[in-house]
Amino acid sequence: MKEQLSILLPTYNCRCVELVQELHRQCEEEHAHLDYEIIVADDGSSQQSFVQENKVIETLPHVRYLIRKDNTGRAAVRNFLVTQARYEWLLFIDGDLTLHAPHFIKDYQQAPGEVVVGGLQIADNDNRWHDNLRYRYEKRCEQSHDAAHRQRQASKEFRTTNFLIARHIMQECPFDEHFRHYGYEDVLLGKSISDKGYPINHINNPILLDDFEDNYHYLLKVEESCRTLYTFHHELKGYSTLIDWTRRIRLLSPLIRWIYPLLSLHIKSRLTGNKPSIFLFNMYKLIYYTHLNEPTP
């Protein structure tokens, strides 16, 4: 039983009030067996309305809300949260998700291991999101969120949506702050933890993803993640199917780089419109990533 817990939430341009309130409620239920704190760090949000809305959490006991002036990136803000934590066990949760599991905190307290990943559940709401690209993609991949599936490739399936880790491991394997843009900082952390010899335990204790950005902004995020992957492709070798596929089709790379400008706008218009195709989405990621590898003059 883990009896001391620092719950760490990075936020950026999102409302986290309900999430923090539910975490606080569950921690209070376990108060006889748990010393806890909840620390929320806003990473320089550009929309101050979210910052103001979230300030209500400061009224809750054991909760701190830290507002950072500058946006330092997903890796740096998580490392900052570690420096602010008091306790040995650190529970990271993305601030833009929803907590629906009634025994979420208790299940983490009782989970064996020094690195524990709870997983992600995708909301069932076809009526609202049936034309949303990310919703369609996440639902297509939903079976991979199961703990048994994730455990087969424990380090490769490591994600930071919600995970528990011992402080000494986090200090030995901090997030790489060279990752300033969206994507893959969690994948590299999983690799680093595994390379140090620490086992990763995947359990079914998911947090809920029930809100999805529009297709246009999601595609921008995906393109940014491809650029991040390309920047760190040496470090992430063996940890990305996108890298694996580009190596398999490397003889076609010159052709793909040639056709990308001709097809990209048409494909993007299909993906940002109604009923986007997941097959086309996967193809777009492949050609977008491949076209980043411009030949040296």
Foldseek 3Di string as FASTA:
>chain_A
DDAEEEEEEEDAPAAQQQVLVLVLVLCVVCVVRHDYAYEYEYQQHPDCVNVVNNVVSVVDPRYYYHYDNHRQADQVVVVVSLVVDDDFKYKYAYRHFAADDNNLVVCVRPDDFQKEAAFEDEDPDCVVCVFALVSVVCVVCVVCRAQVNCLVVVLLSFDRNIMMHGSVLCVVQGQDSVCRADADSRSLSSVVSVVVPGDYHYDNSHIYDYDDDAQVVVVVRLLRHLVVCLVCVVSCVVNDVLVVVCVVVVVCLVVLLVCCVVCVVVLSVQRRDGPRDVVSVVVNSNSSSSNVPDDDD
